Amino acid sequence: MPPFPAKEVVALVAAVYWRFCCACVALALRGVRSEIMATMLSEVYVHGYHPRENERLHDQASTLVDLLHFDTAYPAGSKVLEVGCGVGAQTVTLARQSPGARFTAVDVSAESIAEAKRRIDHADLTNVEFRQADIFALPWGPDSFDHAFVCFVLEHLSRPVEALALLNALLKPSGTITVVEGDHGSTYFHPESRAARAAIQCQVTLQEQAGGNSSIGRQLYPLMTAAGFDEVRVSPRMVYVDSSRPDLVDGFTRKTFTAMIEGIREAALSAGLIDPAGFDAGVRDLHRTTEADGVFCYTFFKGVAAKARHA
């Protein structure tokens, strides 16, 4: 990895959030090791692992269930691999919508898996098993799963095509993959604010420095194609929020997106990306979009594809 902020900055970022994005978009660098300690993988999870981040990811998942997952269901008897399950924010929805399928949910963080198990048990779901593993070193051979599900993971990886290609190999000949990612470049709001844009850019820059890409949603089609998948179909899923939708005002604008930006304050300041007054002004202006005349828009992208016929 190229040189990033000093280790003390990296450790500070990790303390900001104690994870998932994950989830959805989602969204501190850690100096203990150069691997991701989050949704998955040998990369850095920008949002960190903190109870507050767990809560944000749960709010995000609850708010976006219909938008992102209304068309996600798996046949009874099928084996589904969820990569980067984090604290189970998406796992509960998947297992509940496909009660006859068997899910194997994987994450690199033991702490996240423990929380995911708690959520699954609380939901009285029995069709999920958990494994701790790295996406680049999964303990299964070819043709092990009927389907794979990846949500808010690729944004944290410096090698997303390689990760997708590895998952392709694990699928059975008729297998499919579903990938969901956000795109910070799709953020629009009213009233417009340069300060808010600057605060959001801090998140974008920190993720970029960690080897990730916060605008990866728009790239799903070329990434999945490059990984060898066939029949790739990508659909945009826009979240539009105004005061006529109070559930989204609170669940998405306030508790998902703005909470994500608030969570990287110390990391952004320590990295010298912005001054305290500027960051705080940006956060205030994001909260301003939750008022009666405010509007907030963000787009997620969902890709579905089939295992490469030649794989």
C-alpha atoms as a PDB file:
ATOM      1  CA  MET A   1       0.000   0.000   0.000  1.00  0.00           C
ATOM      2  CA  PRO A   2       1.257   3.539  -0.625  1.00  0.00           C
ATOM      3  CA  PRO A   3       2.169   5.723   2.354  1.00  0.00           C
ATOM      4  CA  PHE A   4      -0.862   6.940   4.311  1.00  0.00           C
ATOM      5  CA  PRO A   5      -1.296   9.139   7.387  1.00  0.00           C
ATOM      6  CA  ALA A   6       0.919   8.426  10.401  1.00  0.00           C
ATOM      7  CA  LYS A   7       0.139   5.415  12.570  1.00  0.00           C
ATOM      8  CA  GLU A   8      -1.247   7.542  15.348  1.00  0.00           C
ATOM      9  CA  VAL A   9      -3.761   8.983  12.877  1.00  0.00           C
ATOM     10  CA  VAL A  10      -4.597   5.509  11.646  1.00  0.00           C
ATOM     11  CA  ALA A  11      -5.230   4.235  15.174  1.00  0.00           C
ATOM     12  CA  LEU A  12      -7.380   7.264  15.934  1.00  0.00           C
ATOM     13  CA  VAL A  13      -9.551   6.606  12.917  1.00  0.00           C
ATOM     14  CA  ALA A  14     -10.111   3.014  13.967  1.00  0.00           C
ATOM     15  CA  ALA A  15     -11.376   4.211  17.323  1.00  0.00           C
ATOM     16  CA  VAL A  16     -13.967   6.456  15.727  1.00  0.00           C
ATOM     17  CA  TYR A  17     -16.252   3.616  14.620  1.00  0.00           C
ATOM     18  CA  TRP A  18     -16.322   0.025  15.768  1.00  0.00           C
ATOM     19  CA  ARG A  19     -18.030  -1.837  12.948  1.00  0.00           C
ATOM     20  CA  PHE A  20     -19.928  -3.532  10.147  1.00  0.00           C
ATOM     21  CA  CYS A  21     -21.263  -0.061   5.875  1.00  0.00           C
ATOM     22  CA  CYS A  22     -20.553  -1.720   6.098  1.00  0.00           C
ATOM     23  CA  ALA A  23     -22.802  -1.821   5.284  1.00  0.00           C
ATOM     24  CA  CYS A  24     -24.395   0.898   2.881  1.00  0.00           C
ATOM     25  CA  VAL A  25     -21.910   3.426   2.015  1.00  0.00           C
ATOM     26  CA  ALA A  26     -21.336   3.287   4.082  1.00  0.00           C
ATOM     27  CA  LEU A  27     -18.940   4.562   4.780  1.00  0.00           C
ATOM     28  CA  ALA A  28     -10.768   4.691   9.990  1.00  0.00           C
ATOM     29  CA  LEU A  29      -7.658   3.739   9.173  1.00  0.00           C
ATOM     30  CA  ARG A  30      -6.053   1.354  11.667  1.00  0.00           C
ATOM     31  CA  GLY A  31      -2.311   1.064  12.291  1.00  0.00           C
ATOM     32  CA  VAL A  32      -2.313  -2.219  14.140  1.00  0.00           C
ATOM     33  CA  ARG A  33      -1.993  -4.034  10.853  1.00  0.00           C
ATOM     34  CA  SER A  34      -2.376  -3.235   7.182  1.00  0.00           C
ATOM     35  CA  GLU A  35      -5.428  -5.455   6.712  1.00  0.00           C
ATOM     36  CA  ILE A  36      -9.058  -4.507   6.824  1.00  0.00           C
ATOM     37  CA  MET A  37     -10.596  -5.156  10.211  1.00  0.00           C
ATOM     38  CA  ALA A  38     -14.100  -4.847   8.936  1.00  0.00           C
ATOM     39  CA  THR A  39     -16.595  -5.994   6.414  1.00  0.00           C
ATOM     40  CA  MET A  40     -13.904  -8.216   5.255  1.00  0.00           C
ATOM     41  CA  LEU A  41     -10.625  -8.605   3.724  1.00  0.00           C
ATOM     42  CA  SER A  42      -7.028  -7.659   3.494  1.00  0.00           C
ATOM     43  CA  GLU A  43      -7.830  -3.979   3.231  1.00  0.00           C
ATOM     44  CA  VAL A  44      -8.639  -1.115   5.610  1.00  0.00           C
ATOM     45  CA  TYR A  45     -12.190  -0.542   6.789  1.00  0.00           C
ATOM     46  CA  VAL A  46     -12.552   3.225   6.858  1.00  0.00           C
ATOM     47  CA  HIS A  47     -15.483   3.358   9.274  1.00  0.00           C
ATOM     48  CA  GLY A  48     -13.817   1.419  12.091  1.00  0.00           C
ATOM     49  CA  TYR A  49     -15.361  -0.897  14.723  1.00  0.00           C
ATOM     50  CA  HIS A  50     -17.340   0.914  17.353  1.00  0.00           C
ATOM     51  CA  PRO A  51     -20.800   0.372  18.906  1.00  0.00           C
ATOM     52  CA  ARG A  52     -21.948   3.599  17.283  1.00  0.00           C
ATOM     53  CA  GLU A  53     -20.976   2.241  13.863  1.00  0.00           C
ATOM     54  CA  ASN A  54     -22.866  -0.973  14.574  1.00  0.00           C
ATOM     55  CA  GLU A  55     -25.936   1.138  15.309  1.00  0.00           C
ATOM     56  CA  ARG A  56     -25.458   3.192  12.125  1.00  0.00           C
ATOM     57  CA  LEU A  57     -25.197   0.076   9.990  1.00  0.00           C
ATOM     58  CA  HIS A  58     -28.317  -1.393  11.567  1.00  0.00           C
ATOM     59  CA  ASP A  59     -30.212   1.866  10.921  1.00  0.00           C
ATOM     60  CA  GLN A  60     -28.962   1.867   7.335  1.00  0.00           C
ATOM     61  CA  ALA A  61     -30.006  -1.733   6.733  1.00  0.00           C
ATOM     62  CA  SER A  62     -33.433  -1.238   8.299  1.00  0.00           C
ATOM     63  CA  THR A  63     -34.083   1.911   6.285  1.00  0.00           C
ATOM     64  CA  LEU A  64     -32.970   0.486   2.943  1.00  0.00           C
ATOM     65  CA  VAL A  65     -34.454  -3.024   3.051  1.00  0.00           C
ATOM     66  CA  ASP A  66     -37.193  -2.359   0.493  1.00  0.00           C
ATOM     67  CA  LEU A  67     -35.009  -0.267  -1.797  1.00  0.00           C
ATOM     68  CA  LEU A  68     -32.021  -2.605  -1.968  1.00  0.00           C
ATOM     69  CA  HIS A  69     -33.370  -6.058  -1.228  1.00  0.00           C
ATOM     70  CA  PHE A  70     -36.985  -6.295  -2.396  1.00  0.00           C
ATOM     71  CA  ASP A  71     -35.792  -8.395  -5.355  1.00  0.00           C
ATOM     72  CA  THR A  72     -33.255 -10.515  -3.471  1.00  0.00           C
ATOM     73  CA  ALA A  73     -34.495 -14.036  -2.739  1.00  0.00           C
ATOM     74  CA  TYR A  74     -32.950 -17.484  -3.075  1.00  0.00           C
ATOM     75  CA  PRO A  75     -34.585 -20.872  -3.769  1.00  0.00           C
ATOM     76  CA  ALA A  76     -35.123 -23.363  -0.975  1.00  0.00           C
ATOM     77  CA  GLY A  77     -32.165 -25.698  -0.611  1.00  0.00           C
ATOM     78  CA  SER A  78     -29.657 -23.339  -2.203  1.00  0.00           C
ATOM     79  CA  LYS A  79     -26.331 -22.550  -0.547  1.00  0.00           C
ATOM     80  CA  VAL A  80     -25.573 -18.827  -0.336  1.00  0.00           C
ATOM     81  CA  LEU A  81     -22.267 -17.221   0.641  1.00  0.00           C
ATOM     82  CA  GLU A  82     -22.484 -13.734   2.132  1.00  0.00           C
ATOM     83  CA  VAL A  83     -19.050 -12.125   2.065  1.00  0.00           C
ATOM     84  CA  GLY A  84     -18.284  -9.343   4.532  1.00  0.00           C
ATOM     85  CA  CYS A  85     -21.369  -9.849   6.683  1.00  0.00           C
ATOM     86  CA  GLY A  86     -20.100  -7.463   9.377  1.00  0.00           C
ATOM     87  CA  VAL A  87     -22.539  -7.192  12.279  1.00  0.00           C
ATOM     88  CA  GLY A  88     -25.277  -8.949  10.302  1.00  0.00           C
ATOM     89  CA  ALA A  89     -27.064  -5.810   9.186  1.00  0.00           C
ATOM     90  CA  GLN A  90     -27.923  -7.396   5.821  1.00  0.00           C
ATOM     91  CA  THR A  91     -27.789 -11.022   6.979  1.00  0.00           C
ATOM     92  CA  VAL A  92     -31.026 -10.838   8.926  1.00  0.00           C
ATOM     93  CA  THR A  93     -32.898  -9.556   5.872  1.00  0.00           C
ATOM     94  CA  LEU A  94     -31.403 -12.180   3.552  1.00  0.00           C
ATOM     95  CA  ALA A  95     -32.150 -15.073   5.889  1.00  0.00           C
ATOM     96  CA  ARG A  96     -35.670 -13.858   6.612  1.00  0.00           C
ATOM     97  CA  GLN A  97     -36.552 -13.404   2.925  1.00  0.00           C
ATOM     98  CA  SER A  98     -35.215 -16.827   1.928  1.00  0.00           C
ATOM     99  CA  PRO A  99     -36.047 -19.131   4.855  1.00  0.00           C
ATOM    100  CA  GLY A 100     -35.425 -22.280   2.831  1.00  0.00           C
ATOM    101  CA  ALA A 101     -31.923 -21.298   1.727  1.00  0.00           C
ATOM    102  CA  ARG A 102     -28.779 -22.019   3.760  1.00  0.00           C
ATOM    103  CA  PHE A 103     -26.490 -19.034   4.333  1.00  0.00           C
ATOM    104  CA  THR A 104     -22.815 -19.015   5.192  1.00  0.00           C
ATOM    105  CA  ALA A 105     -21.907 -15.521   6.402  1.00  0.00           C
ATOM    106  CA  VAL A 106     -18.224 -14.616   6.482  1.00  0.00           C
ATOM    107  CA  ASP A 107     -16.299 -11.731   7.992  1.00  0.00           C
ATOM    108  CA  VAL A 108     -12.692 -11.151   8.975  1.00  0.00           C
ATOM    109  CA  SER A 109     -13.648  -9.642  12.350  1.00  0.00           C
ATOM    110  CA  ALA A 110     -14.472 -11.994  15.225  1.00  0.00           C
ATOM    111  CA  GLU A 111     -16.179  -9.132  17.063  1.00  0.00           C
ATOM    112  CA  SER A 112     -18.454  -8.433  14.117  1.00  0.00           C
ATOM    113  CA  ILE A 113     -19.352 -12.101  13.754  1.00  0.00           C
ATOM    114  CA  ALA A 114     -20.269 -12.283  17.436  1.00  0.00           C
ATOM    115  CA  GLU A 115     -22.641  -9.335  17.008  1.00  0.00           C
ATOM    116  CA  ALA A 116     -24.061 -10.821  13.804  1.00  0.00           C
ATOM    117  CA  LYS A 117     -24.782 -14.096  15.607  1.00  0.00           C
ATOM    118  CA  ARG A 118     -26.562 -12.167  18.348  1.00  0.00           C
ATOM    119  CA  ARG A 119     -28.774 -10.442  15.774  1.00  0.00           C
ATOM    120  CA  ILE A 120     -29.605 -13.704  14.016  1.00  0.00           C
ATOM    121  CA  ASP A 121     -30.465 -15.415  17.309  1.00  0.00           C
ATOM    122  CA  HIS A 122     -32.607 -12.454  18.359  1.00  0.00           C
ATOM    123  CA  ALA A 123     -34.508 -12.747  15.055  1.00  0.00           C
ATOM    124  CA  ASP A 124     -35.083 -16.497  15.694  1.00  0.00           C
ATOM    125  CA  LEU A 125     -33.442 -17.423  12.400  1.00  0.00           C
ATOM    126  CA  THR A 126     -31.805 -20.828  12.063  1.00  0.00           C
ATOM    127  CA  ASN A 127     -30.621 -20.883   8.447  1.00  0.00           C
ATOM    128  CA  VAL A 128     -27.310 -19.024   8.913  1.00  0.00           C
ATOM    129  CA  GLU A 129     -23.861 -20.245   9.919  1.00  0.00           C
ATOM    130  CA  PHE A 130     -20.865 -17.956  10.458  1.00  0.00           C
ATOM    131  CA  ARG A 131     -17.195 -18.310   9.607  1.00  0.00           C
ATOM    132  CA  GLN A 132     -14.289 -15.983  10.261  1.00  0.00           C
ATOM    133  CA  ALA A 133     -12.213 -15.672   7.104  1.00  0.00           C
ATOM    134  CA  ASP A 134     -10.586 -13.259   4.683  1.00  0.00           C
ATOM    135  CA  ILE A 135     -12.157 -12.814   1.260  1.00  0.00           C
ATOM    136  CA  PHE A 136      -8.770 -13.412  -0.354  1.00  0.00           C
ATOM    137  CA  ALA A 137      -8.297 -16.694   1.550  1.00  0.00           C
ATOM    138  CA  LEU A 138     -11.719 -18.316   1.763  1.00  0.00           C
ATOM    139  CA  PRO A 139     -11.616 -21.967   2.911  1.00  0.00           C
ATOM    140  CA  TRP A 140     -13.740 -23.466   0.124  1.00  0.00           C
ATOM    141  CA  GLY A 141     -13.004 -24.957  -3.222  1.00  0.00           C
ATOM    142  CA  PRO A 142     -14.618 -24.482  -6.658  1.00  0.00           C
ATOM    143  CA  ASP A 143     -18.346 -25.071  -7.108  1.00  0.00           C
ATOM    144  CA  SER A 144     -19.122 -24.759  -3.383  1.00  0.00           C
ATOM    145  CA  PHE A 145     -22.055 -22.318  -3.502  1.00  0.00           C
ATOM    146  CA  ASP A 146     -25.134 -21.657  -5.578  1.00  0.00           C
ATOM    147  CA  HIS A 147     -25.082 -17.916  -4.971  1.00  0.00           C
ATOM    148  CA  ALA A 148     -22.869 -15.191  -3.512  1.00  0.00           C
ATOM    149  CA  PHE A 149     -23.936 -11.911  -1.945  1.00  0.00           C
ATOM    150  CA  VAL A 150     -21.619  -8.939  -1.430  1.00  0.00           C
ATOM    151  CA  CYS A 151     -22.878  -5.681   0.091  1.00  0.00           C
ATOM    152  CA  PHE A 152     -20.780  -2.595   0.920  1.00  0.00           C
ATOM    153  CA  VAL A 153     -17.527  -4.555   0.675  1.00  0.00           C
ATOM    154  CA  LEU A 154     -15.869  -3.688  -2.641  1.00  0.00           C
ATOM    155  CA  GLU A 155     -15.646  -0.004  -1.681  1.00  0.00           C
ATOM    156  CA  HIS A 156     -13.015  -0.959   0.910  1.00  0.00           C
ATOM    157  CA  LEU A 157     -10.817  -3.042  -1.406  1.00  0.00           C
ATOM    158  CA  SER A 158      -7.827  -2.037  -3.472  1.00  0.00           C
ATOM    159  CA  ARG A 159      -8.305  -5.229  -5.564  1.00  0.00           C
ATOM    160  CA  PRO A 160     -12.055  -5.525  -6.180  1.00  0.00           C
ATOM    161  CA  VAL A 161     -11.756  -7.412  -9.478  1.00  0.00           C
ATOM    162  CA  GLU A 162      -9.527 -10.029  -7.877  1.00  0.00           C
ATOM    163  CA  ALA A 163     -12.028 -10.479  -5.043  1.00  0.00           C
ATOM    164  CA  LEU A 164     -14.912 -10.894  -7.487  1.00  0.00           C
ATOM    165  CA  ALA A 165     -12.948 -13.388  -9.580  1.00  0.00           C
ATOM    166  CA  LEU A 166     -12.268 -15.493  -6.482  1.00  0.00           C
ATOM    167  CA  LEU A 167     -15.989 -15.551  -5.703  1.00  0.00           C
ATOM    168  CA  ASN A 168     -16.729 -16.500  -9.309  1.00  0.00           C
ATOM    169  CA  ALA A 169     -14.599 -19.600  -8.870  1.00  0.00           C
ATOM    170  CA  LEU A 170     -16.540 -20.657  -5.746  1.00  0.00           C
ATOM    171  CA  LEU A 171     -19.874 -20.659  -7.566  1.00  0.00           C
ATOM    172  CA  LYS A 172     -21.470 -23.707  -9.123  1.00  0.00           C
ATOM    173  CA  PRO A 173     -21.957 -23.663 -12.929  1.00  0.00           C
ATOM    174  CA  SER A 174     -25.448 -22.180 -12.605  1.00  0.00           C
ATOM    175  CA  GLY A 175     -24.472 -19.831  -9.787  1.00  0.00           C
ATOM    176  CA  THR A 176     -25.165 -16.124  -9.458  1.00  0.00           C
ATOM    177  CA  ILE A 177     -23.701 -13.183  -7.591  1.00  0.00           C
ATOM    178  CA  THR A 178     -25.376 -10.065  -6.208  1.00  0.00           C
ATOM    179  CA  VAL A 179     -23.295  -6.980  -5.423  1.00  0.00           C
ATOM    180  CA  VAL A 180     -24.514  -3.782  -3.767  1.00  0.00           C
ATOM    181  CA  GLU A 181     -22.393  -0.631  -3.394  1.00  0.00           C
ATOM    182  CA  GLY A 182     -22.903   3.058  -2.722  1.00  0.00           C
ATOM    183  CA  ASP A 183     -21.491   6.013  -4.614  1.00  0.00           C
ATOM    184  CA  HIS A 184     -20.600   9.173  -2.697  1.00  0.00           C
ATOM    185  CA  GLY A 185     -20.319  11.074  -5.953  1.00  0.00           C
ATOM    186  CA  SER A 186     -24.072  10.681  -6.329  1.00  0.00           C
ATOM    187  CA  THR A 187     -24.787  12.789  -3.226  1.00  0.00           C
ATOM    188  CA  TYR A 188     -27.028  15.795  -3.866  1.00  0.00           C
ATOM    189  CA  PHE A 189     -28.849  17.951  -1.363  1.00  0.00           C
ATOM    190  CA  HIS A 190     -30.670  21.200  -0.743  1.00  0.00           C
ATOM    191  CA  PRO A 191     -29.740  23.686   0.541  1.00  0.00           C
ATOM    192  CA  GLU A 192     -26.430  23.318  -1.281  1.00  0.00           C
ATOM    193  CA  SER A 193     -23.365  23.803   0.927  1.00  0.00           C
ATOM    194  CA  ARG A 194     -19.654  24.020   0.160  1.00  0.00           C
ATOM    195  CA  ALA A 195     -18.925  23.197   3.794  1.00  0.00           C
ATOM    196  CA  ALA A 196     -20.967  19.992   3.590  1.00  0.00           C
ATOM    197  CA  ARG A 197     -19.203  19.050   0.346  1.00  0.00           C
ATOM    198  CA  ALA A 198     -15.840  19.590   2.055  1.00  0.00           C
ATOM    199  CA  ALA A 199     -16.815  17.363   4.992  1.00  0.00           C
ATOM    200  CA  ILE A 200     -17.985  14.609   2.619  1.00  0.00           C
ATOM    201  CA  GLN A 201     -14.747  14.911   0.660  1.00  0.00           C
ATOM    202  CA  CYS A 202     -12.844  14.100   3.859  1.00  0.00           C
ATOM    203  CA  GLN A 203     -14.590  10.714   3.925  1.00  0.00           C
ATOM    204  CA  VAL A 204     -13.812  10.192   0.241  1.00  0.00           C
ATOM    205  CA  THR A 205     -10.143  11.076   0.734  1.00  0.00           C
ATOM    206  CA  LEU A 206      -9.681   8.889   3.827  1.00  0.00           C
ATOM    207  CA  GLN A 207     -11.174   5.924   2.006  1.00  0.00           C
ATOM    208  CA  GLU A 208      -9.000   6.581  -1.027  1.00  0.00           C
ATOM    209  CA  GLN A 209      -5.893   6.761   1.154  1.00  0.00           C
ATOM    210  CA  ALA A 210      -6.864   3.412   2.658  1.00  0.00           C
ATOM    211  CA  GLY A 211      -6.958   1.869  -0.820  1.00  0.00           C
ATOM    212  CA  GLY A 212     -10.741   1.988  -1.222  1.00  0.00           C
ATOM    213  CA  ASN A 213     -13.146   3.794  -3.499  1.00  0.00           C
ATOM    214  CA  SER A 214     -16.256   5.498  -2.131  1.00  0.00           C
ATOM    215  CA  SER A 215     -17.628   6.047  -5.643  1.00  0.00           C
ATOM    216  CA  ILE A 216     -17.321   2.422  -6.730  1.00  0.00           C
ATOM    217  CA  GLY A 217     -21.064   1.964  -7.269  1.00  0.00           C
ATOM    218  CA  ARG A 218     -20.957   3.432 -10.779  1.00  0.00           C
ATOM    219  CA  GLN A 219     -18.199   0.955 -11.686  1.00  0.00           C
ATOM    220  CA  LEU A 220     -20.033  -2.268 -10.884  1.00  0.00           C
ATOM    221  CA  TYR A 221     -20.706  -3.232 -14.486  1.00  0.00           C
ATOM    222  CA  PRO A 222     -17.087  -2.984 -15.704  1.00  0.00           C
ATOM    223  CA  LEU A 223     -15.759  -4.549 -12.487  1.00  0.00           C
ATOM    224  CA  MET A 224     -18.081  -7.549 -12.643  1.00  0.00           C
ATOM    225  CA  THR A 225     -17.414  -7.964 -16.349  1.00  0.00           C
ATOM    226  CA  ALA A 226     -13.652  -7.806 -15.801  1.00  0.00           C
ATOM    227  CA  ALA A 227     -13.988 -10.522 -13.148  1.00  0.00           C
ATOM    228  CA  GLY A 228     -15.448 -12.837 -15.778  1.00  0.00           C
ATOM    229  CA  PHE A 229     -19.137 -12.792 -14.901  1.00  0.00           C
ATOM    230  CA  ASP A 230     -21.791 -13.174 -17.581  1.00  0.00           C
ATOM    231  CA  GLU A 231     -25.211 -11.546 -17.951  1.00  0.00           C
ATOM    232  CA  VAL A 232     -24.226  -8.598 -15.781  1.00  0.00           C
ATOM    233  CA  ARG A 233     -27.168  -6.314 -14.995  1.00  0.00           C
ATOM    234  CA  VAL A 234     -26.808  -3.198 -12.854  1.00  0.00           C
ATOM    235  CA  SER A 235     -29.650  -1.055 -11.572  1.00  0.00           C
ATOM    236  CA  PRO A 236     -29.399   2.295  -9.726  1.00  0.00           C
ATOM    237  CA  ARG A 237     -31.332   2.522  -6.458  1.00  0.00           C
ATOM    238  CA  MET A 238     -31.798   6.184  -5.552  1.00  0.00           C
ATOM    239  CA  VAL A 239     -32.735   7.309  -2.080  1.00  0.00           C
ATOM    240  CA  TYR A 240     -34.755  10.504  -2.333  1.00  0.00           C
ATOM    241  CA  VAL A 241     -35.562  12.203   0.976  1.00  0.00           C
ATOM    242  CA  ASP A 242     -37.710  15.217   1.796  1.00  0.00           C
ATOM    243  CA  SER A 243     -39.840  16.147   4.792  1.00  0.00           C
ATOM    244  CA  SER A 244     -42.794  14.166   3.442  1.00  0.00           C
ATOM    245  CA  ARG A 245     -40.747  11.035   4.222  1.00  0.00           C
ATOM    246  CA  PRO A 246     -39.890  11.410   7.914  1.00  0.00           C
ATOM    247  CA  ASP A 247     -38.726   7.804   8.216  1.00  0.00           C
ATOM    248  CA  LEU A 248     -36.034   8.419   5.601  1.00  0.00           C
ATOM    249  CA  VAL A 249     -35.167  11.840   7.031  1.00  0.00           C
ATOM    250  CA  ASP A 250     -34.360  10.174  10.325  1.00  0.00           C
ATOM    251  CA  GLY A 251     -33.229   6.735   9.201  1.00  0.00           C
ATOM    252  CA  PHE A 252     -31.122   7.682   6.190  1.00  0.00           C
ATOM    253  CA  THR A 253     -30.161  11.363   6.071  1.00  0.00           C
ATOM    254  CA  ARG A 254     -29.649  11.768   9.806  1.00  0.00           C
ATOM    255  CA  LYS A 255     -28.727   8.331  11.160  1.00  0.00           C
ATOM    256  CA  THR A 256     -26.981   6.782   8.175  1.00  0.00           C
ATOM    257  CA  PHE A 257     -25.248   9.318   5.927  1.00  0.00           C
ATOM    258  CA  THR A 258     -24.699  12.256   8.284  1.00  0.00           C
ATOM    259  CA  ALA A 259     -23.773   9.906  11.136  1.00  0.00           C
ATOM    260  CA  MET A 260     -21.136   8.360   8.868  1.00  0.00           C
ATOM    261  CA  ILE A 261     -19.598  11.757   8.143  1.00  0.00           C
ATOM    262  CA  GLU A 262     -19.724  12.769  11.812  1.00  0.00           C
ATOM    263  CA  GLY A 263     -17.865   9.588  12.670  1.00  0.00           C
ATOM    264  CA  ILE A 264     -14.711  10.467  10.706  1.00  0.00           C
ATOM    265  CA  ARG A 265     -14.263  13.929  12.323  1.00  0.00           C
ATOM    266  CA  GLU A 266     -11.174  13.130  14.388  1.00  0.00           C
ATOM    267  CA  ALA A 267      -9.586  11.165  11.573  1.00  0.00           C
ATOM    268  CA  ALA A 268     -10.093  14.009   9.113  1.00  0.00           C
ATOM    269  CA  LEU A 269      -8.711  16.592  11.530  1.00  0.00           C
ATOM    270  CA  SER A 270      -5.706  14.454  12.461  1.00  0.00           C
ATOM    271  CA  ALA A 271      -4.929  13.873   8.791  1.00  0.00           C
ATOM    272  CA  GLY A 272      -4.986  17.630   8.190  1.00  0.00           C
ATOM    273  CA  LEU A 273      -7.761  17.379   5.635  1.00  0.00           C
ATOM    274  CA  ILE A 274      -9.880  20.150   7.164  1.00  0.00           C
ATOM    275  CA  ASP A 275     -10.029  22.474  10.155  1.00  0.00           C
ATOM    276  CA  PRO A 276     -12.472  21.879  13.047  1.00  0.00           C
ATOM    277  CA  ALA A 277     -14.692  24.852  12.259  1.00  0.00           C
ATOM    278  CA  GLY A 278     -14.976  23.857   8.622  1.00  0.00           C
ATOM    279  CA  PHE A 279     -15.864  20.245   9.398  1.00  0.00           C
ATOM    280  CA  ASP A 280     -18.432  21.184  12.026  1.00  0.00           C
ATOM    281  CA  ALA A 281     -20.030  23.662   9.644  1.00  0.00           C
ATOM    282  CA  GLY A 282     -20.317  20.936   7.046  1.00  0.00           C
ATOM    283  CA  VAL A 283     -22.019  18.576   9.477  1.00  0.00           C
ATOM    284  CA  ARG A 284     -24.424  21.333  10.546  1.00  0.00           C
ATOM    285  CA  ASP A 285     -25.325  21.919   6.924  1.00  0.00           C
ATOM    286  CA  LEU A 286     -25.967  18.210   6.376  1.00  0.00           C
ATOM    287  CA  HIS A 287     -28.336  18.274   9.338  1.00  0.00           C
ATOM    288  CA  ARG A 288     -29.887  21.382   7.799  1.00  0.00           C
ATOM    289  CA  THR A 289     -31.081  19.192   4.898  1.00  0.00           C
ATOM    290  CA  THR A 290     -33.341  17.333   7.357  1.00  0.00           C
ATOM    291  CA  GLU A 291     -35.465  20.418   7.994  1.00  0.00           C
ATOM    292  CA  ALA A 292     -38.872  21.046   6.428  1.00  0.00           C
ATOM    293  CA  ASP A 293     -37.507  22.553   3.200  1.00  0.00           C
ATOM    294  CA  GLY A 294     -34.493  20.252   2.930  1.00  0.00           C
ATOM    295  CA  VAL A 295     -33.861  17.516   0.356  1.00  0.00           C
ATOM    296  CA  PHE A 296     -31.247  14.748   0.249  1.00  0.00           C
ATOM    297  CA  CYS A 297     -30.448  12.297  -2.566  1.00  0.00           C
ATOM    298  CA  TYR A 298     -28.026   9.386  -2.754  1.00  0.00           C
ATOM    299  CA  THR A 299     -27.724   6.501  -5.212  1.00  0.00           C
ATOM    300  CA  PHE A 300     -26.772   2.905  -4.547  1.00  0.00           C
ATOM    301  CA  PHE A 301     -26.045   0.455  -7.346  1.00  0.00           C
ATOM    302  CA  LYS A 302     -27.048  -3.208  -7.396  1.00  0.00           C
ATOM    303  CA  GLY A 303     -25.399  -5.655  -9.772  1.00  0.00           C
ATOM    304  CA  VAL A 304     -26.562  -9.201 -10.495  1.00  0.00           C
ATOM    305  CA  ALA A 305     -24.634 -11.617 -12.693  1.00  0.00           C
ATOM    306  CA  ALA A 306     -24.159 -15.286 -13.574  1.00  0.00           C
ATOM    307  CA  LYS A 307     -21.051 -17.384 -13.150  1.00  0.00           C
ATOM    308  CA  ALA A 308     -18.884 -17.204 -16.219  1.00  0.00           C
ATOM    309  CA  ARG A 309     -19.727 -20.083 -18.524  1.00  0.00           C
ATOM    310  CA  HIS A 310     -16.052 -20.675 -19.252  1.00  0.00           C
ATOM    311  CA  ALA A 311     -15.049 -20.544 -15.567  1.00  0.00           C
END
